[in-house]
Amino acid sequence: MPDIDKINACIQSHLRSRHERSVRAVDAARWLDQAGLLKDSNTRPGKPLRVLLRAKRIDGWRKESDRWWFIDRV
């Protein structure tokens, strides 16, 4: 079971350090994989994070055009 608090903290930390307001889920998934917090899928990049986004477990989540997932800085 992934540590949701650490995942949320990692994403928000990256957003703050980069002075960004939001990030695409696929890019955030790469950050999490590099940090060893959530292994990404080689065949479907961002899939493990999208599962958490659909479950509304990630802070600052949003979906645009009923297709693209983003995470906003909170």
PDB file of N, CA and C in Angstrom:
ATOM      1  N   MET A   1       0.849  -1.184   0.000  1.00  0.00           N
ATOM      2  CA  MET A   1       0.000   0.000   0.000  1.00  0.00           C
ATOM      3  C   MET A   1       0.891   1.242   0.000  1.00  0.00           C
ATOM      4  N   PRO A   2       0.709   2.120  -0.960  1.00  0.00           N
ATOM      5  CA  PRO A   2       1.533   3.327  -1.013  1.00  0.00           C
ATOM      6  C   PRO A   2       1.215   4.284   0.139  1.00  0.00           C
ATOM      7  N   ASP A   3       2.209   5.029   0.558  1.00  0.00           N
ATOM      8  CA  ASP A   3       2.040   6.017   1.627  1.00  0.00           C
ATOM      9  C   ASP A   3       1.522   7.320   1.009  1.00  0.00           C
ATOM     10  N   ILE A   4       0.226   7.520   1.095  1.00  0.00           N
ATOM     11  CA  ILE A   4      -0.431   8.662   0.449  1.00  0.00           C
ATOM     12  C   ILE A   4       0.096   9.991   0.986  1.00  0.00           C
ATOM     13  N   ASP A   5       0.356  10.080   2.282  1.00  0.00           N
ATOM     14  CA  ASP A   5       0.872  11.336   2.843  1.00  0.00           C
ATOM     15  C   ASP A   5       2.226  11.688   2.230  1.00  0.00           C
ATOM     16  N   LYS A   6       3.100  10.710   2.087  1.00  0.00           N
ATOM     17  CA  LYS A   6       4.425  10.962   1.488  1.00  0.00           C
ATOM     18  C   LYS A   6       4.302  11.297   0.005  1.00  0.00           C
ATOM     19  N   ILE A   7       3.386  10.639  -0.683  1.00  0.00           N
ATOM     20  CA  ILE A   7       3.165  10.919  -2.102  1.00  0.00           C
ATOM     21  C   ILE A   7       2.685  12.359  -2.283  1.00  0.00           C
ATOM     22  N   ASN A   8       1.678  12.760  -1.497  1.00  0.00           N
ATOM     23  CA  ASN A   8       1.173  14.128  -1.583  1.00  0.00           C
ATOM     24  C   ASN A   8       2.263  15.143  -1.237  1.00  0.00           C
ATOM     25  N   ALA A   9       3.030  14.873  -0.188  1.00  0.00           N
ATOM     26  CA  ALA A   9       4.100  15.786   0.223  1.00  0.00           C
ATOM     27  C   ALA A   9       5.153  15.917  -0.868  1.00  0.00           C
ATOM     28  N   CYS A  10       5.511  14.822  -1.511  1.00  0.00           N
ATOM     29  CA  CYS A  10       6.512  14.850  -2.576  1.00  0.00           C
ATOM     30  C   CYS A  10       6.044  15.704  -3.753  1.00  0.00           C
ATOM     31  N   ILE A  11       4.816  15.485  -4.183  1.00  0.00           N
ATOM     32  CA  ILE A  11       4.285  16.252  -5.319  1.00  0.00           C
ATOM     33  C   ILE A  11       4.247  17.733  -4.983  1.00  0.00           C
ATOM     34  N   GLN A  12       3.717  18.069  -3.811  1.00  0.00           N
ATOM     35  CA  GLN A  12       3.615  19.482  -3.427  1.00  0.00           C
ATOM     36  C   GLN A  12       4.992  20.117  -3.258  1.00  0.00           C
ATOM     37  N   SER A  13       5.945  19.372  -2.744  1.00  0.00           N
ATOM     38  CA  SER A  13       7.313  19.882  -2.601  1.00  0.00           C
ATOM     39  C   SER A  13       7.928  20.195  -3.962  1.00  0.00           C
ATOM     40  N   HIS A  14       7.744  19.302  -4.917  1.00  0.00           N
ATOM     41  CA  HIS A  14       8.256  19.539  -6.270  1.00  0.00           C
ATOM     42  C   HIS A  14       7.600  20.777  -6.888  1.00  0.00           C
ATOM     43  N   LEU A  15       6.296  20.901  -6.724  1.00  0.00           N
ATOM     44  CA  LEU A  15       5.597  22.062  -7.287  1.00  0.00           C
ATOM     45  C   LEU A  15       6.126  23.363  -6.683  1.00  0.00           C
ATOM     46  N   ARG A  16       6.294  23.385  -5.356  1.00  0.00           N
ATOM     47  CA  ARG A  16       6.798  24.597  -4.697  1.00  0.00           C
ATOM     48  C   ARG A  16       8.228  24.917  -5.140  1.00  0.00           C
ATOM     49  N   SER A  17       9.088  23.912  -5.167  1.00  0.00           N
ATOM     50  CA  SER A  17      10.493  24.157  -5.516  1.00  0.00           C
ATOM     51  C   SER A  17      10.655  24.606  -6.962  1.00  0.00           C
ATOM     52  N   ARG A  18       9.736  24.226  -7.815  1.00  0.00           N
ATOM     53  CA  ARG A  18       9.781  24.626  -9.225  1.00  0.00           C
ATOM     54  C   ARG A  18       8.939  25.870  -9.509  1.00  0.00           C
ATOM     55  N   HIS A  19       8.303  26.391  -8.468  1.00  0.00           N
ATOM     56  CA  HIS A  19       7.431  27.566  -8.594  1.00  0.00           C
ATOM     57  C   HIS A  19       6.343  27.337  -9.642  1.00  0.00           C
ATOM     58  N   GLU A  20       5.801  26.130  -9.630  1.00  0.00           N
ATOM     59  CA  GLU A  20       4.749  25.753 -10.577  1.00  0.00           C
ATOM     60  C   GLU A  20       3.408  25.713  -9.861  1.00  0.00           C
ATOM     61  N   ARG A  21       2.345  26.020 -10.598  1.00  0.00           N
ATOM     62  CA  ARG A  21       0.994  25.960 -10.036  1.00  0.00           C
ATOM     63  C   ARG A  21       0.374  24.580 -10.209  1.00  0.00           C
ATOM     64  N   SER A  22       0.814  23.848 -11.235  1.00  0.00           N
ATOM     65  CA  SER A  22       0.253  22.519 -11.479  1.00  0.00           C
ATOM     66  C   SER A  22       1.254  21.665 -12.252  1.00  0.00           C
ATOM     67  N   VAL A  23       0.931  20.373 -12.300  1.00  0.00           N
ATOM     68  CA  VAL A  23       1.774  19.421 -13.013  1.00  0.00           C
ATOM     69  C   VAL A  23       0.863  18.374 -13.657  1.00  0.00           C
ATOM     70  N   ARG A  24       1.255  17.897 -14.829  1.00  0.00           N
ATOM     71  CA  ARG A  24       0.537  16.791 -15.455  1.00  0.00           C
ATOM     72  C   ARG A  24       0.790  15.535 -14.636  1.00  0.00           C
ATOM     73  N   ALA A  25      -0.203  14.684 -14.547  1.00  0.00           N
ATOM     74  CA  ALA A  25      -0.080  13.466 -13.750  1.00  0.00           C
ATOM     75  C   ALA A  25       1.087  12.604 -14.210  1.00  0.00           C
ATOM     76  N   VAL A  26       1.314  12.523 -15.493  1.00  0.00           N
ATOM     77  CA  VAL A  26       2.401  11.682 -16.003  1.00  0.00           C
ATOM     78  C   VAL A  26       3.760  12.204 -15.531  1.00  0.00           C
ATOM     79  N   ASP A  27       3.906  13.516 -15.406  1.00  0.00           N
ATOM     80  CA  ASP A  27       5.162  14.084 -14.915  1.00  0.00           C
ATOM     81  C   ASP A  27       5.304  13.861 -13.409  1.00  0.00           C
ATOM     82  N   ALA A  28       4.219  14.026 -12.673  1.00  0.00           N
ATOM     83  CA  ALA A  28       4.248  13.772 -11.234  1.00  0.00           C
ATOM     84  C   ALA A  28       4.558  12.302 -10.964  1.00  0.00           C
ATOM     85  N   ALA A  29       4.042  11.417 -11.807  1.00  0.00           N
ATOM     86  CA  ALA A  29       4.326   9.989 -11.649  1.00  0.00           C
ATOM     87  C   ALA A  29       5.821   9.715 -11.798  1.00  0.00           C
ATOM     88  N   ARG A  30       6.465  10.428 -12.679  1.00  0.00           N
ATOM     89  CA  ARG A  30       7.913  10.278 -12.860  1.00  0.00           C
ATOM     90  C   ARG A  30       8.654  10.714 -11.598  1.00  0.00           C
ATOM     91  N   TRP A  31       8.225  11.833 -10.986  1.00  0.00           N
ATOM     92  CA  TRP A  31       8.843  12.303  -9.740  1.00  0.00           C
ATOM     93  C   TRP A  31       8.707  11.235  -8.654  1.00  0.00           C
ATOM     94  N   LEU A  32       7.508  10.662  -8.551  1.00  0.00           N
ATOM     95  CA  LEU A  32       7.249   9.677  -7.504  1.00  0.00           C
ATOM     96  C   LEU A  32       8.066   8.403  -7.720  1.00  0.00           C
ATOM     97  N   ASP A  33       8.208   8.003  -8.969  1.00  0.00           N
ATOM     98  CA  ASP A  33       9.009   6.827  -9.282  1.00  0.00           C
ATOM     99  C   ASP A  33      10.476   7.074  -8.924  1.00  0.00           C
ATOM    100  N   GLN A  34      10.985   8.244  -9.282  1.00  0.00           N
ATOM    101  CA  GLN A  34      12.378   8.589  -8.973  1.00  0.00           C
ATOM    102  C   GLN A  34      12.614   8.664  -7.467  1.00  0.00           C
ATOM    103  N   ALA A  35      11.606   9.080  -6.720  1.00  0.00           N
ATOM    104  CA  ALA A  35      11.726   9.182  -5.270  1.00  0.00           C
ATOM    105  C   ALA A  35      11.516   7.830  -4.587  1.00  0.00           C
ATOM    106  N   GLY A  36      11.121   6.817  -5.353  1.00  0.00           N
ATOM    107  CA  GLY A  36      10.885   5.496  -4.786  1.00  0.00           C
ATOM    108  C   GLY A  36       9.585   5.375  -4.008  1.00  0.00           C
ATOM    109  N   LEU A  37       8.650   6.285  -4.264  1.00  0.00           N
ATOM    110  CA  LEU A  37       7.384   6.292  -3.520  1.00  0.00           C
ATOM    111  C   LEU A  37       6.255   5.557  -4.234  1.00  0.00           C
ATOM    112  N   LEU A  38       6.288   5.543  -5.554  1.00  0.00           N
ATOM    113  CA  LEU A  38       5.237   4.880  -6.324  1.00  0.00           C
ATOM    114  C   LEU A  38       5.836   4.440  -7.657  1.00  0.00           C
ATOM    115  N   LYS A  39       6.005   3.142  -7.808  1.00  0.00           N
ATOM    116  CA  LYS A  39       6.584   2.597  -9.035  1.00  0.00           C
ATOM    117  C   LYS A  39       5.667   2.898 -10.208  1.00  0.00           C
ATOM    118  N   ASP A  40       6.223   3.489 -11.256  1.00  0.00           N
ATOM    119  CA  ASP A  40       5.438   3.813 -12.444  1.00  0.00           C
ATOM    120  C   ASP A  40       5.361   2.593 -13.358  1.00  0.00           C
ATOM    121  N   SER A  41       4.419   2.628 -14.261  1.00  0.00           N
ATOM    122  CA  SER A  41       4.240   1.563 -15.239  1.00  0.00           C
ATOM    123  C   SER A  41       5.085   1.862 -16.472  1.00  0.00           C
ATOM    124  N   ASN A  42       5.831   0.873 -16.955  1.00  0.00           N
ATOM    125  CA  ASN A  42       6.630   1.059 -18.173  1.00  0.00           C
ATOM    126  C   ASN A  42       5.754   1.121 -19.413  1.00  0.00           C
ATOM    127  N   THR A  43       4.670   0.381 -19.409  1.00  0.00           N
ATOM    128  CA  THR A  43       3.815   0.312 -20.590  1.00  0.00           C
ATOM    129  C   THR A  43       2.734   1.389 -20.615  1.00  0.00           C
ATOM    130  N   ARG A  44       2.342   1.860 -19.436  1.00  0.00           N
ATOM    131  CA  ARG A  44       1.307   2.897 -19.345  1.00  0.00           C
ATOM    132  C   ARG A  44       1.743   3.958 -18.343  1.00  0.00           C
ATOM    133  N   PRO A  45       2.665   4.845 -18.748  1.00  0.00           N
ATOM    134  CA  PRO A  45       3.187   5.851 -17.809  1.00  0.00           C
ATOM    135  C   PRO A  45       2.073   6.629 -17.115  1.00  0.00           C
ATOM    136  N   GLY A  46       2.226   6.760 -15.800  1.00  0.00           N
ATOM    137  CA  GLY A  46       1.269   7.505 -14.998  1.00  0.00           C
ATOM    138  C   GLY A  46       0.111   6.679 -14.476  1.00  0.00           C
ATOM    139  N   LYS A  47      -0.034   5.436 -14.913  1.00  0.00           N
ATOM    140  CA  LYS A  47      -1.186   4.604 -14.540  1.00  0.00           C
ATOM    141  C   LYS A  47      -1.341   4.415 -13.030  1.00  0.00           C
ATOM    142  N   PRO A  48      -0.288   4.050 -12.289  1.00  0.00           N
ATOM    143  CA  PRO A  48      -0.478   3.874 -10.839  1.00  0.00           C
ATOM    144  C   PRO A  48      -0.945   5.155 -10.140  1.00  0.00           C
ATOM    145  N   LEU A  49      -0.452   6.298 -10.592  1.00  0.00           N
ATOM    146  CA  LEU A  49      -0.898   7.564 -10.005  1.00  0.00           C
ATOM    147  C   LEU A  49      -2.335   7.864 -10.412  1.00  0.00           C
ATOM    148  N   ARG A  50      -2.709   7.574 -11.646  1.00  0.00           N
ATOM    149  CA  ARG A  50      -4.091   7.815 -12.079  1.00  0.00           C
ATOM    150  C   ARG A  50      -5.085   7.001 -11.250  1.00  0.00           C
ATOM    151  N   VAL A  51      -4.691   5.812 -10.830  1.00  0.00           N
ATOM    152  CA  VAL A  51      -5.560   5.007  -9.968  1.00  0.00           C
ATOM    153  C   VAL A  51      -5.847   5.773  -8.673  1.00  0.00           C
ATOM    154  N   LEU A  52      -4.807   6.377  -8.106  1.00  0.00           N
ATOM    155  CA  LEU A  52      -4.984   7.166  -6.881  1.00  0.00           C
ATOM    156  C   LEU A  52      -5.785   8.437  -7.148  1.00  0.00           C
ATOM    157  N   LEU A  53      -5.596   9.035  -8.314  1.00  0.00           N
ATOM    158  CA  LEU A  53      -6.361  10.232  -8.671  1.00  0.00           C
ATOM    159  C   LEU A  53      -7.844   9.897  -8.798  1.00  0.00           C
ATOM    160  N   ARG A  54      -8.156   8.806  -9.449  1.00  0.00           N
ATOM    161  CA  ARG A  54      -9.569   8.400  -9.589  1.00  0.00           C
ATOM    162  C   ARG A  54     -10.218   8.144  -8.237  1.00  0.00           C
ATOM    163  N   ALA A  55      -9.421   7.671  -7.290  1.00  0.00           N
ATOM    164  CA  ALA A  55      -9.932   7.411  -5.937  1.00  0.00           C
ATOM    165  C   ALA A  55      -9.951   8.682  -5.087  1.00  0.00           C
ATOM    166  N   LYS A  56      -9.526   9.800  -5.674  1.00  0.00           N
ATOM    167  CA  LYS A  56      -9.501  11.106  -5.004  1.00  0.00           C
ATOM    168  C   LYS A  56      -8.614  11.102  -3.766  1.00  0.00           C
ATOM    169  N   ARG A  57      -7.480  10.404  -3.851  1.00  0.00           N
ATOM    170  CA  ARG A  57      -6.538  10.291  -2.740  1.00  0.00           C
ATOM    171  C   ARG A  57      -5.416  11.318  -2.828  1.00  0.00           C
ATOM    172  N   ILE A  58      -5.318  12.029  -3.965  1.00  0.00           N
ATOM    173  CA  ILE A  58      -4.222  12.963  -4.191  1.00  0.00           C
ATOM    174  C   ILE A  58      -4.722  14.395  -4.018  1.00  0.00           C
ATOM    175  N   ASP A  59      -4.009  15.168  -3.208  1.00  0.00           N
ATOM    176  CA  ASP A  59      -4.374  16.570  -2.969  1.00  0.00           C
ATOM    177  C   ASP A  59      -4.222  17.381  -4.253  1.00  0.00           C
ATOM    178  N   GLY A  60      -5.188  18.250  -4.500  1.00  0.00           N
ATOM    179  CA  GLY A  60      -5.099  19.179  -5.625  1.00  0.00           C
ATOM    180  C   GLY A  60      -5.413  18.563  -6.972  1.00  0.00           C
ATOM    181  N   TRP A  61      -6.051  17.411  -6.992  1.00  0.00           N
ATOM    182  CA  TRP A  61      -6.335  16.747  -8.275  1.00  0.00           C
ATOM    183  C   TRP A  61      -7.390  17.496  -9.070  1.00  0.00           C
ATOM    184  N   ARG A  62      -7.296  17.387 -10.383  1.00  0.00           N
ATOM    185  CA  ARG A  62      -8.352  17.866 -11.277  1.00  0.00           C
ATOM    186  C   ARG A  62      -8.215  17.145 -12.606  1.00  0.00           C
ATOM    187  N   LYS A  63      -9.301  17.115 -13.335  1.00  0.00           N
ATOM    188  CA  LYS A  63      -9.329  16.475 -14.641  1.00  0.00           C
ATOM    189  C   LYS A  63      -9.879  17.482 -15.635  1.00  0.00           C
ATOM    190  N   GLU A  64      -9.202  17.621 -16.763  1.00  0.00           N
ATOM    191  CA  GLU A  64      -9.639  18.557 -17.797  1.00  0.00           C
ATOM    192  C   GLU A  64     -10.105  17.801 -19.023  1.00  0.00           C
ATOM    193  N   SER A  65     -11.110  18.340 -19.656  1.00  0.00           N
ATOM    194  CA  SER A  65     -11.665  17.773 -20.885  1.00  0.00           C
ATOM    195  C   SER A  65     -12.030  16.306 -20.724  1.00  0.00           C
ATOM    196  N   ASP A  66     -12.374  15.930 -19.507  1.00  0.00           N
ATOM    197  CA  ASP A  66     -12.753  14.557 -19.185  1.00  0.00           C
ATOM    198  C   ASP A  66     -11.703  13.546 -19.641  1.00  0.00           C
ATOM    199  N   ARG A  67     -10.435  14.019 -19.718  1.00  0.00           N
ATOM    200  CA  ARG A  67      -9.383  13.139 -20.208  1.00  0.00           C
ATOM    201  C   ARG A  67      -8.047  13.321 -19.500  1.00  0.00           C
ATOM    202  N   TRP A  68      -7.611  14.542 -19.279  1.00  0.00           N
ATOM    203  CA  TRP A  68      -6.265  14.828 -18.789  1.00  0.00           C
ATOM    204  C   TRP A  68      -6.277  15.097 -17.304  1.00  0.00           C
ATOM    205  N   TRP A  69      -5.417  14.398 -16.554  1.00  0.00           N
ATOM    206  CA  TRP A  69      -5.293  14.576 -15.115  1.00  0.00           C
ATOM    207  C   TRP A  69      -4.163  15.553 -14.808  1.00  0.00           C
ATOM    208  N   PHE A  70      -4.435  16.445 -13.854  1.00  0.00           N
ATOM    209  CA  PHE A  70      -3.448  17.411 -13.366  1.00  0.00           C
ATOM    210  C   PHE A  70      -3.488  17.413 -11.838  1.00  0.00           C
ATOM    211  N   ILE A  71      -2.403  17.892 -11.260  1.00  0.00           N
ATOM    212  CA  ILE A  71      -2.347  18.071  -9.814  1.00  0.00           C
ATOM    213  C   ILE A  71      -1.929  19.508  -9.580  1.00  0.00           C
ATOM    214  N   ASP A  72      -2.745  20.249  -8.841  1.00  0.00           N
ATOM    215  CA  ASP A  72      -2.474  21.658  -8.540  1.00  0.00           C
ATOM    216  C   ASP A  72      -1.762  21.800  -7.204  1.00  0.00           C
ATOM    217  N   ARG A  73      -1.003  22.849  -7.086  1.00  0.00           N
ATOM    218  CA  ARG A  73      -0.370  23.164  -5.795  1.00  0.00           C
ATOM    219  C   ARG A  73      -1.453  23.629  -4.841  1.00  0.00           C
ATOM    220  N   VAL A  74      -1.412  23.109  -3.631  1.00  0.00           N
ATOM    221  CA  VAL A  74      -2.423  23.486  -2.635  1.00  0.00           C
ATOM    222  C   VAL A  74      -1.786  24.250  -1.502  1.00  0.00           C
TER     223      VAL A  74
END
